Amino acid sequence: MILTKDNTGEELILIRSADIDRFNDASIPFFFATCQDAGGLHSEILGYSAEKLLKEKGWTWIILRNRINFYKIPHYCQRIKVVTWAQNGYKLFFPRMVSGYDENGDKVFDAMTEWVLFDVVHKRPMRPSVLENAFPVPREEMLKDPSTLGKMKSWDEQEKKEILPPAFPKPEYYDVDLNKHINNVVYVRWIVSALDDAFLESHVPVMMDVSWVTQTFEHDEVRVETAILEESDEGNVSLLHRIIKKTEKGEEKECFSALSSWRRK
């Protein structure tokens, strides 16, 4: 990744065989992994990587929210220019934007993300002011209002048209990351994999808005719940998702929630 004069980070990435689905299209988890990697790399080149902050301050970066709008789905061996930039602190959040462009300069996706800087020792988020001026912001016209994300409605607050059968994924060895918990992108894979193959083969994502609520570990029992919120005559669908974990103590907690919109191909 390179740092531009506008204080954005730019990187050209290749869509590899591990990033695609059965149609040679970039998979949905690929987009979420790309957003997280872009944020991490941009922080690193500015001198505030998670590794450095953890070693020097006992702090680490945690992503809490990511809303992605999908405009085009790229294919195997295509290259995408990924652009990311930090924004001014908002409440306890470090807002960050990520956009992707194809070889023709057409926008592939954009994402608004919310990160917190977490004090591992004292188990609390740090206010953005502790890193004041650490992340120079780009031109004003590039900034997006972070309040537009709003608060995601809970499962119980949503009026559901139909609740689909639950799925029970099992956390696997390679789902666990360096922090010994389930990697954030795995949650996205779980909610997508809970959908019928026929649905995924006939629909493409338009928007996904996800919220990570709490950590999940390798031996937790996990249940994915999905509900249809709206369905048009043309076959376009809005879905509600959540993941419930059952700990070794038998407690059930919601650890992830999401909204998604899909367009029939």
C-alpha atoms as a PDB file:
ATOM      1  CA  MET A   1       0.000   0.000   0.000  1.00  0.00           C
ATOM      2  CA  ILE A   2       1.155   3.530  -0.775  1.00  0.00           C
ATOM      3  CA  LEU A   3       0.235   6.782   0.959  1.00  0.00           C
ATOM      4  CA  THR A   4      -1.029   9.484  -1.415  1.00  0.00           C
ATOM      5  CA  LYS A   5      -0.831  13.262  -1.117  1.00  0.00           C
ATOM      6  CA  ASP A   6      -4.514  13.177  -0.065  1.00  0.00           C
ATOM      7  CA  ASN A   7      -3.581  10.989   2.934  1.00  0.00           C
ATOM      8  CA  THR A   8      -5.404   8.017   1.454  1.00  0.00           C
ATOM      9  CA  GLY A   9      -3.932   4.555   1.247  1.00  0.00           C
ATOM     10  CA  GLU A  10      -4.012   2.906  -2.183  1.00  0.00           C
ATOM     11  CA  GLU A  11      -3.313  -0.673  -3.126  1.00  0.00           C
ATOM     12  CA  LEU A  12      -3.804  -2.736  -6.287  1.00  0.00           C
ATOM     13  CA  ILE A  13      -5.028  -6.216  -5.382  1.00  0.00           C
ATOM     14  CA  LEU A  14      -5.494  -9.333  -7.474  1.00  0.00           C
ATOM     15  CA  ILE A  15      -8.556 -11.522  -7.015  1.00  0.00           C
ATOM     16  CA  ARG A  16      -7.121 -14.975  -6.411  1.00  0.00           C
ATOM     17  CA  SER A  17      -8.605 -18.454  -6.642  1.00  0.00           C
ATOM     18  CA  ALA A  18      -9.138 -18.461  -2.861  1.00  0.00           C
ATOM     19  CA  ASP A  19     -11.301 -15.312  -3.175  1.00  0.00           C
ATOM     20  CA  ILE A  20     -13.952 -16.588  -5.588  1.00  0.00           C
ATOM     21  CA  ASP A  21     -17.128 -18.658  -5.651  1.00  0.00           C
ATOM     22  CA  ARG A  22     -18.274 -21.366  -8.046  1.00  0.00           C
ATOM     23  CA  PHE A  23     -18.979 -18.783 -10.751  1.00  0.00           C
ATOM     24  CA  ASN A  24     -15.506 -17.212 -10.668  1.00  0.00           C
ATOM     25  CA  ASP A  25     -17.017 -14.168  -8.942  1.00  0.00           C
ATOM     26  CA  ALA A  26     -15.407 -12.544  -5.913  1.00  0.00           C
ATOM     27  CA  SER A  27     -17.028 -13.992  -2.810  1.00  0.00           C
ATOM     28  CA  ILE A  28     -18.825 -11.836  -0.252  1.00  0.00           C
ATOM     29  CA  PRO A  29     -16.274 -12.577   2.517  1.00  0.00           C
ATOM     30  CA  PHE A  30     -13.573 -11.275   0.140  1.00  0.00           C
ATOM     31  CA  PHE A  31     -15.009  -7.748   0.351  1.00  0.00           C
ATOM     32  CA  PHE A  32     -15.050  -7.759   4.144  1.00  0.00           C
ATOM     33  CA  ALA A  33     -11.516  -9.129   4.353  1.00  0.00           C
ATOM     34  CA  THR A  34     -10.396  -6.443   1.892  1.00  0.00           C
ATOM     35  CA  CYS A  35     -11.879  -3.679   4.058  1.00  0.00           C
ATOM     36  CA  GLN A  36     -10.191  -4.961   7.195  1.00  0.00           C
ATOM     37  CA  ASP A  37      -6.833  -5.435   5.494  1.00  0.00           C
ATOM     38  CA  ALA A  38      -6.999  -1.952   3.973  1.00  0.00           C
ATOM     39  CA  GLY A  39      -7.616  -0.390   7.373  1.00  0.00           C
ATOM     40  CA  GLY A  40      -4.804  -2.350   8.943  1.00  0.00           C
ATOM     41  CA  LEU A  41      -2.288  -1.501   6.219  1.00  0.00           C
ATOM     42  CA  HIS A  42      -3.175   2.192   6.199  1.00  0.00           C
ATOM     43  CA  SER A  43      -2.761   2.348   9.975  1.00  0.00           C
ATOM     44  CA  GLU A  44       0.585   0.581   9.672  1.00  0.00           C
ATOM     45  CA  ILE A  45       2.093   2.959   7.124  1.00  0.00           C
ATOM     46  CA  LEU A  46       1.031   5.887   9.321  1.00  0.00           C
ATOM     47  CA  GLY A  47       2.810   4.292  12.281  1.00  0.00           C
ATOM     48  CA  TYR A  48      -0.190   3.046  14.255  1.00  0.00           C
ATOM     49  CA  SER A  49      -0.450  -0.652  13.504  1.00  0.00           C
ATOM     50  CA  ALA A  50      -2.240  -2.936  15.949  1.00  0.00           C
ATOM     51  CA  GLU A  51       1.012  -4.777  16.592  1.00  0.00           C
ATOM     52  CA  LYS A  52       2.905  -1.607  17.489  1.00  0.00           C
ATOM     53  CA  LEU A  53       0.112  -0.162  19.637  1.00  0.00           C
ATOM     54  CA  LEU A  54      -0.310  -3.425  21.519  1.00  0.00           C
ATOM     55  CA  LYS A  55       3.407  -3.646  22.241  1.00  0.00           C
ATOM     56  CA  GLU A  56       3.869  -0.007  23.249  1.00  0.00           C
ATOM     57  CA  LYS A  57       0.504   0.926  24.790  1.00  0.00           C
ATOM     58  CA  GLY A  58      -1.469  -2.247  25.368  1.00  0.00           C
ATOM     59  CA  TRP A  59      -4.060  -1.078  22.805  1.00  0.00           C
ATOM     60  CA  THR A  60      -5.475  -2.822  19.749  1.00  0.00           C
ATOM     61  CA  TRP A  61      -7.834  -2.041  16.886  1.00  0.00           C
ATOM     62  CA  ILE A  62     -11.295  -3.660  16.814  1.00  0.00           C
ATOM     63  CA  ILE A  63     -13.783  -3.303  13.978  1.00  0.00           C
ATOM     64  CA  LEU A  64     -17.393  -3.032  15.157  1.00  0.00           C
ATOM     65  CA  ARG A  65     -19.392  -2.169  12.045  1.00  0.00           C
ATOM     66  CA  ASN A  66     -19.107  -2.351   8.273  1.00  0.00           C
ATOM     67  CA  ARG A  67     -21.717  -1.336   5.722  1.00  0.00           C
ATOM     68  CA  ILE A  68     -20.792  -2.275   2.156  1.00  0.00           C
ATOM     69  CA  ASN A  69     -22.606  -1.171  -1.008  1.00  0.00           C
ATOM     70  CA  PHE A  70     -21.927  -3.466  -3.961  1.00  0.00           C
ATOM     71  CA  TYR A  71     -21.973  -1.982  -7.473  1.00  0.00           C
ATOM     72  CA  LYS A  72     -20.175  -4.636  -9.514  1.00  0.00           C
ATOM     73  CA  ILE A  73     -18.942  -8.113  -8.663  1.00  0.00           C
ATOM     74  CA  PRO A  74     -15.408  -8.602 -10.022  1.00  0.00           C
ATOM     75  CA  HIS A  75     -14.056 -11.917 -11.265  1.00  0.00           C
ATOM     76  CA  TYR A  76     -11.060 -14.190 -10.909  1.00  0.00           C
ATOM     77  CA  CYS A  77      -7.731 -12.573 -11.893  1.00  0.00           C
ATOM     78  CA  GLN A  78      -9.195  -9.080 -12.102  1.00  0.00           C
ATOM     79  CA  ARG A  79      -7.296  -6.327 -10.341  1.00  0.00           C
ATOM     80  CA  ILE A  80      -9.008  -3.815  -8.090  1.00  0.00           C
ATOM     81  CA  LYS A  81      -7.626  -0.539  -6.828  1.00  0.00           C
ATOM     82  CA  VAL A  82      -8.551  -0.256  -3.170  1.00  0.00           C
ATOM     83  CA  VAL A  83      -8.585   3.221  -1.630  1.00  0.00           C
ATOM     84  CA  THR A  84      -9.041   3.884   2.083  1.00  0.00           C
ATOM     85  CA  TRP A  85      -8.938   6.910   4.339  1.00  0.00           C
ATOM     86  CA  ALA A  86      -9.523   7.721   7.969  1.00  0.00           C
ATOM     87  CA  GLN A  87     -11.949  10.391   9.155  1.00  0.00           C
ATOM     88  CA  ASN A  88     -12.181  12.511  12.270  1.00  0.00           C
ATOM     89  CA  GLY A  89     -13.151  10.722  15.466  1.00  0.00           C
ATOM     90  CA  TYR A  90     -16.873  10.326  16.096  1.00  0.00           C
ATOM     91  CA  LYS A  91     -18.056   9.522  19.628  1.00  0.00           C
ATOM     92  CA  LEU A  92     -15.847   6.530  20.574  1.00  0.00           C
ATOM     93  CA  PHE A  93     -15.311   5.515  16.950  1.00  0.00           C
ATOM     94  CA  PHE A  94     -12.556   5.913  14.400  1.00  0.00           C
ATOM     95  CA  PRO A  95     -14.631   6.040  11.165  1.00  0.00           C
ATOM     96  CA  ARG A  96     -12.929   4.801   7.996  1.00  0.00           C
ATOM     97  CA  MET A  97     -13.998   4.636   4.354  1.00  0.00           C
ATOM     98  CA  VAL A  98     -12.924   2.011   1.836  1.00  0.00           C
ATOM     99  CA  SER A  99     -13.690   2.022  -1.903  1.00  0.00           C
ATOM    100  CA  GLY A 100     -12.752  -0.303  -4.736  1.00  0.00           C
ATOM    101  CA  TYR A 101     -12.411   0.451  -8.470  1.00  0.00           C
ATOM    102  CA  ASP A 102     -11.954  -1.817 -11.473  1.00  0.00           C
ATOM    103  CA  GLU A 103      -9.464  -1.419 -14.345  1.00  0.00           C
ATOM    104  CA  ASN A 104     -11.823   1.037 -16.086  1.00  0.00           C
ATOM    105  CA  GLY A 105     -12.124   3.246 -13.030  1.00  0.00           C
ATOM    106  CA  ASP A 106     -15.697   2.136 -12.316  1.00  0.00           C
ATOM    107  CA  LYS A 107     -16.596   1.808  -8.654  1.00  0.00           C
ATOM    108  CA  VAL A 108     -16.922  -1.810  -7.521  1.00  0.00           C
ATOM    109  CA  PHE A 109     -17.892  -1.183  -3.900  1.00  0.00           C
ATOM    110  CA  ASP A 110     -17.703   1.308  -1.095  1.00  0.00           C
ATOM    111  CA  ALA A 111     -17.776   0.749   2.623  1.00  0.00           C
ATOM    112  CA  MET A 112     -18.189   2.781   5.775  1.00  0.00           C
ATOM    113  CA  THR A 113     -16.553   1.162   8.788  1.00  0.00           C
ATOM    114  CA  GLU A 114     -16.408   1.886  12.498  1.00  0.00           C
ATOM    115  CA  TRP A 115     -13.323   0.980  14.506  1.00  0.00           C
ATOM    116  CA  VAL A 116     -12.501   1.406  18.179  1.00  0.00           C
ATOM    117  CA  LEU A 117      -9.110   1.537  19.845  1.00  0.00           C
ATOM    118  CA  PHE A 118      -9.377  -0.912  22.727  1.00  0.00           C
ATOM    119  CA  ASP A 119      -7.289  -0.895  25.889  1.00  0.00           C
ATOM    120  CA  VAL A 120      -6.587  -4.598  26.382  1.00  0.00           C
ATOM    121  CA  VAL A 121      -5.268  -4.152  29.922  1.00  0.00           C
ATOM    122  CA  HIS A 122      -8.165  -2.109  31.310  1.00  0.00           C
ATOM    123  CA  LYS A 123     -10.817  -3.654  29.022  1.00  0.00           C
ATOM    124  CA  ARG A 124     -12.224  -0.387  27.719  1.00  0.00           C
ATOM    125  CA  PRO A 125     -12.333   1.638  24.496  1.00  0.00           C
ATOM    126  CA  MET A 126     -10.107   4.680  24.188  1.00  0.00           C
ATOM    127  CA  ARG A 127     -11.419   8.035  23.011  1.00  0.00           C
ATOM    128  CA  PRO A 128     -10.192   9.115  19.544  1.00  0.00           C
ATOM    129  CA  SER A 129      -8.489  12.131  21.143  1.00  0.00           C
ATOM    130  CA  VAL A 130      -5.668   9.856  22.390  1.00  0.00           C
ATOM    131  CA  LEU A 131      -4.483   9.657  18.758  1.00  0.00           C
ATOM    132  CA  GLU A 132      -5.354  13.226  17.811  1.00  0.00           C
ATOM    133  CA  ASN A 133      -3.844  14.188  14.422  1.00  0.00           C
ATOM    134  CA  ALA A 134      -2.479  10.662  13.968  1.00  0.00           C
ATOM    135  CA  PHE A 135      -4.655  10.105  10.909  1.00  0.00           C
ATOM    136  CA  PRO A 136      -4.643  13.116   8.571  1.00  0.00           C
ATOM    137  CA  VAL A 137      -7.983  13.353   6.800  1.00  0.00           C
ATOM    138  CA  PRO A 138      -8.306  13.787   3.018  1.00  0.00           C
ATOM    139  CA  ARG A 139     -10.039  16.561   1.101  1.00  0.00           C
ATOM    140  CA  GLU A 140     -13.297  17.682   2.681  1.00  0.00           C
ATOM    141  CA  GLU A 141     -15.380  16.570  -0.299  1.00  0.00           C
ATOM    142  CA  MET A 142     -14.245  12.982   0.327  1.00  0.00           C
ATOM    143  CA  LEU A 143     -15.551  12.888   3.898  1.00  0.00           C
ATOM    144  CA  LYS A 144     -18.771  11.061   4.693  1.00  0.00           C
ATOM    145  CA  ASP A 145     -21.094  11.770   7.592  1.00  0.00           C
ATOM    146  CA  PRO A 146     -20.475   8.927  10.098  1.00  0.00           C
ATOM    147  CA  SER A 147     -23.853   9.473  11.748  1.00  0.00           C
ATOM    148  CA  THR A 148     -25.581   8.053   8.646  1.00  0.00           C
ATOM    149  CA  LEU A 149     -24.779   4.546   9.855  1.00  0.00           C
ATOM    150  CA  GLY A 150     -27.130   5.072  12.765  1.00  0.00           C
ATOM    151  CA  LYS A 151     -27.943   2.346  15.249  1.00  0.00           C
ATOM    152  CA  MET A 152     -28.824  -1.034  13.823  1.00  0.00           C
ATOM    153  CA  LYS A 153     -32.247  -2.291  14.920  1.00  0.00           C
ATOM    154  CA  SER A 154     -32.226  -5.493  16.906  1.00  0.00           C
ATOM    155  CA  TRP A 155     -33.782  -8.778  15.817  1.00  0.00           C
ATOM    156  CA  ASP A 156     -36.790  -8.240  18.094  1.00  0.00           C
ATOM    157  CA  GLU A 157     -37.380  -4.704  16.821  1.00  0.00           C
ATOM    158  CA  GLN A 158     -37.735  -5.815  13.195  1.00  0.00           C
ATOM    159  CA  GLU A 159     -41.031  -6.898  11.652  1.00  0.00           C
ATOM    160  CA  LYS A 160     -40.230 -10.208   9.965  1.00  0.00           C
ATOM    161  CA  LYS A 161     -42.132 -11.668   7.026  1.00  0.00           C
ATOM    162  CA  GLU A 162     -40.727 -15.186   7.421  1.00  0.00           C
ATOM    163  CA  ILE A 163     -38.127 -16.867   9.624  1.00  0.00           C
ATOM    164  CA  LEU A 164     -35.947 -19.378   7.795  1.00  0.00           C
ATOM    165  CA  PRO A 165     -34.572 -22.616   9.284  1.00  0.00           C
ATOM    166  CA  PRO A 166     -31.479 -22.045  11.456  1.00  0.00           C
ATOM    167  CA  ALA A 167     -27.992 -23.236  10.588  1.00  0.00           C
ATOM    168  CA  PHE A 168     -25.381 -24.616  12.977  1.00  0.00           C
ATOM    169  CA  PRO A 169     -21.852 -23.989  11.703  1.00  0.00           C
ATOM    170  CA  LYS A 170     -18.981 -25.459  13.668  1.00  0.00           C
ATOM    171  CA  PRO A 171     -15.967 -23.234  14.306  1.00  0.00           C
ATOM    172  CA  GLU A 172     -12.927 -24.829  12.712  1.00  0.00           C
ATOM    173  CA  TYR A 173      -9.176 -24.706  13.259  1.00  0.00           C
ATOM    174  CA  TYR A 174      -8.503 -22.107  10.569  1.00  0.00           C
ATOM    175  CA  ASP A 175     -11.355 -19.879  11.759  1.00  0.00           C
ATOM    176  CA  VAL A 176      -9.305 -18.841  14.793  1.00  0.00           C
ATOM    177  CA  ASP A 177      -6.953 -15.866  14.488  1.00  0.00           C
ATOM    178  CA  LEU A 178      -3.938 -14.590  16.408  1.00  0.00           C
ATOM    179  CA  ASN A 179      -6.159 -13.229  19.189  1.00  0.00           C
ATOM    180  CA  LYS A 180      -7.475 -16.786  19.784  1.00  0.00           C
ATOM    181  CA  HIS A 181     -11.026 -15.889  18.792  1.00  0.00           C
ATOM    182  CA  ILE A 182     -13.034 -16.463  15.619  1.00  0.00           C
ATOM    183  CA  ASN A 183     -11.889 -14.143  12.847  1.00  0.00           C
ATOM    184  CA  ASN A 184     -14.388 -11.394  12.004  1.00  0.00           C
ATOM    185  CA  VAL A 185     -14.745 -12.425   8.357  1.00  0.00           C
ATOM    186  CA  VAL A 186     -15.866 -15.924   9.401  1.00  0.00           C
ATOM    187  CA  TYR A 187     -19.126 -14.488  10.775  1.00  0.00           C
ATOM    188  CA  VAL A 188     -19.945 -13.156   7.309  1.00  0.00           C
ATOM    189  CA  ARG A 189     -19.180 -16.540   5.762  1.00  0.00           C
ATOM    190  CA  TRP A 190     -21.493 -18.197   8.272  1.00  0.00           C
ATOM    191  CA  ILE A 191     -24.520 -16.000   7.524  1.00  0.00           C
ATOM    192  CA  VAL A 192     -24.045 -16.324   3.765  1.00  0.00           C
ATOM    193  CA  SER A 193     -23.535 -20.089   3.974  1.00  0.00           C
ATOM    194  CA  ALA A 194     -26.790 -20.367   5.926  1.00  0.00           C
ATOM    195  CA  LEU A 195     -28.699 -19.329   2.775  1.00  0.00           C
ATOM    196  CA  ASP A 196     -29.886 -21.891   0.220  1.00  0.00           C
ATOM    197  CA  ASP A 197     -27.585 -22.592  -2.714  1.00  0.00           C
ATOM    198  CA  ALA A 198     -30.464 -21.832  -5.078  1.00  0.00           C
ATOM    199  CA  PHE A 199     -30.850 -18.363  -3.553  1.00  0.00           C
ATOM    200  CA  LEU A 200     -27.141 -17.578  -3.789  1.00  0.00           C
ATOM    201  CA  GLU A 201     -27.024 -18.807  -7.386  1.00  0.00           C
ATOM    202  CA  SER A 202     -29.901 -16.539  -8.405  1.00  0.00           C
ATOM    203  CA  HIS A 203     -29.126 -13.370  -6.419  1.00  0.00           C
ATOM    204  CA  VAL A 204     -26.287 -10.882  -6.002  1.00  0.00           C
ATOM    205  CA  PRO A 205     -25.729  -8.646  -2.962  1.00  0.00           C
ATOM    206  CA  VAL A 206     -26.623  -4.970  -3.153  1.00  0.00           C
ATOM    207  CA  MET A 207     -25.845  -3.980   0.441  1.00  0.00           C
ATOM    208  CA  MET A 208     -24.660  -5.660   3.625  1.00  0.00           C
ATOM    209  CA  ASP A 209     -24.541  -3.903   6.978  1.00  0.00           C
ATOM    210  CA  VAL A 210     -22.925  -5.969   9.713  1.00  0.00           C
ATOM    211  CA  SER A 211     -22.244  -5.445  13.397  1.00  0.00           C
ATOM    212  CA  TRP A 212     -19.856  -7.462  15.538  1.00  0.00           C
ATOM    213  CA  VAL A 213     -21.243  -7.584  19.072  1.00  0.00           C
ATOM    214  CA  THR A 214     -18.987  -9.892  21.061  1.00  0.00           C
ATOM    215  CA  GLN A 215     -16.210 -12.422  20.576  1.00  0.00           C
ATOM    216  CA  THR A 216     -16.728 -16.080  19.722  1.00  0.00           C
ATOM    217  CA  PHE A 217     -14.244 -18.812  20.481  1.00  0.00           C
ATOM    218  CA  GLU A 218     -13.347 -22.154  18.973  1.00  0.00           C
ATOM    219  CA  HIS A 219     -15.445 -24.326  21.273  1.00  0.00           C
ATOM    220  CA  ASP A 220     -18.588 -22.185  21.402  1.00  0.00           C
ATOM    221  CA  GLU A 221     -21.767 -23.636  19.935  1.00  0.00           C
ATOM    222  CA  VAL A 222     -23.088 -21.330  17.220  1.00  0.00           C
ATOM    223  CA  ARG A 223     -26.532 -20.861  15.658  1.00  0.00           C
ATOM    224  CA  VAL A 224     -27.271 -18.689  12.621  1.00  0.00           C
ATOM    225  CA  GLU A 225     -30.789 -17.267  12.344  1.00  0.00           C
ATOM    226  CA  THR A 226     -32.149 -15.639   9.181  1.00  0.00           C
ATOM    227  CA  ALA A 227     -35.424 -13.863   8.462  1.00  0.00           C
ATOM    228  CA  ILE A 228     -36.984 -12.339   5.358  1.00  0.00           C
ATOM    229  CA  LEU A 229     -37.946  -8.704   5.908  1.00  0.00           C
ATOM    230  CA  GLU A 230     -39.160  -7.795   2.421  1.00  0.00           C
ATOM    231  CA  GLU A 231     -39.517  -9.529  -0.930  1.00  0.00           C
ATOM    232  CA  SER A 232     -40.530  -7.793  -4.157  1.00  0.00           C
ATOM    233  CA  ASP A 233     -42.408  -9.241  -7.119  1.00  0.00           C
ATOM    234  CA  GLU A 234     -39.135  -9.073  -9.069  1.00  0.00           C
ATOM    235  CA  GLY A 235     -37.447 -11.347  -6.546  1.00  0.00           C
ATOM    236  CA  ASN A 236     -35.382  -8.714  -4.749  1.00  0.00           C
ATOM    237  CA  VAL A 237     -35.040  -9.571  -1.071  1.00  0.00           C
ATOM    238  CA  SER A 238     -34.082  -7.909   2.221  1.00  0.00           C
ATOM    239  CA  LEU A 239     -32.819 -10.216   4.957  1.00  0.00           C
ATOM    240  CA  LEU A 240     -32.099  -9.989   8.656  1.00  0.00           C
ATOM    241  CA  HIS A 241     -29.362 -12.117  10.213  1.00  0.00           C
ATOM    242  CA  ARG A 242     -27.995 -12.829  13.633  1.00  0.00           C
ATOM    243  CA  ILE A 243     -25.595 -15.293  15.199  1.00  0.00           C
ATOM    244  CA  ILE A 244     -26.202 -16.696  18.666  1.00  0.00           C
ATOM    245  CA  LYS A 245     -23.404 -18.397  20.579  1.00  0.00           C
ATOM    246  CA  LYS A 246     -23.775 -20.873  23.397  1.00  0.00           C
ATOM    247  CA  THR A 247     -20.795 -20.832  25.679  1.00  0.00           C
ATOM    248  CA  GLU A 248     -19.341 -23.710  27.683  1.00  0.00           C
ATOM    249  CA  LYS A 249     -21.339 -22.387  30.651  1.00  0.00           C
ATOM    250  CA  GLY A 250     -24.564 -22.805  28.682  1.00  0.00           C
ATOM    251  CA  GLU A 251     -25.240 -19.093  28.224  1.00  0.00           C
ATOM    252  CA  GLU A 252     -26.716 -17.830  24.945  1.00  0.00           C
ATOM    253  CA  LYS A 253     -25.561 -14.454  23.622  1.00  0.00           C
ATOM    254  CA  GLU A 254     -26.008 -12.612  20.334  1.00  0.00           C
ATOM    255  CA  CYS A 255     -22.522 -12.117  18.964  1.00  0.00           C
ATOM    256  CA  PHE A 256     -23.268 -10.743  15.483  1.00  0.00           C
ATOM    257  CA  SER A 257     -26.131  -9.084  13.596  1.00  0.00           C
ATOM    258  CA  ALA A 258     -26.588  -7.990   9.997  1.00  0.00           C
ATOM    259  CA  LEU A 259     -28.949  -6.620   7.375  1.00  0.00           C
ATOM    260  CA  SER A 260     -28.583  -7.483   3.705  1.00  0.00           C
ATOM    261  CA  SER A 261     -30.270  -6.569   0.425  1.00  0.00           C
ATOM    262  CA  TRP A 262     -30.158  -8.782  -2.653  1.00  0.00           C
ATOM    263  CA  ARG A 263     -31.058  -8.352  -6.319  1.00  0.00           C
ATOM    264  CA  ARG A 264     -32.206 -11.175  -8.548  1.00  0.00           C
ATOM    265  CA  LYS A 265     -29.785 -11.751 -11.400  1.00  0.00           C
END
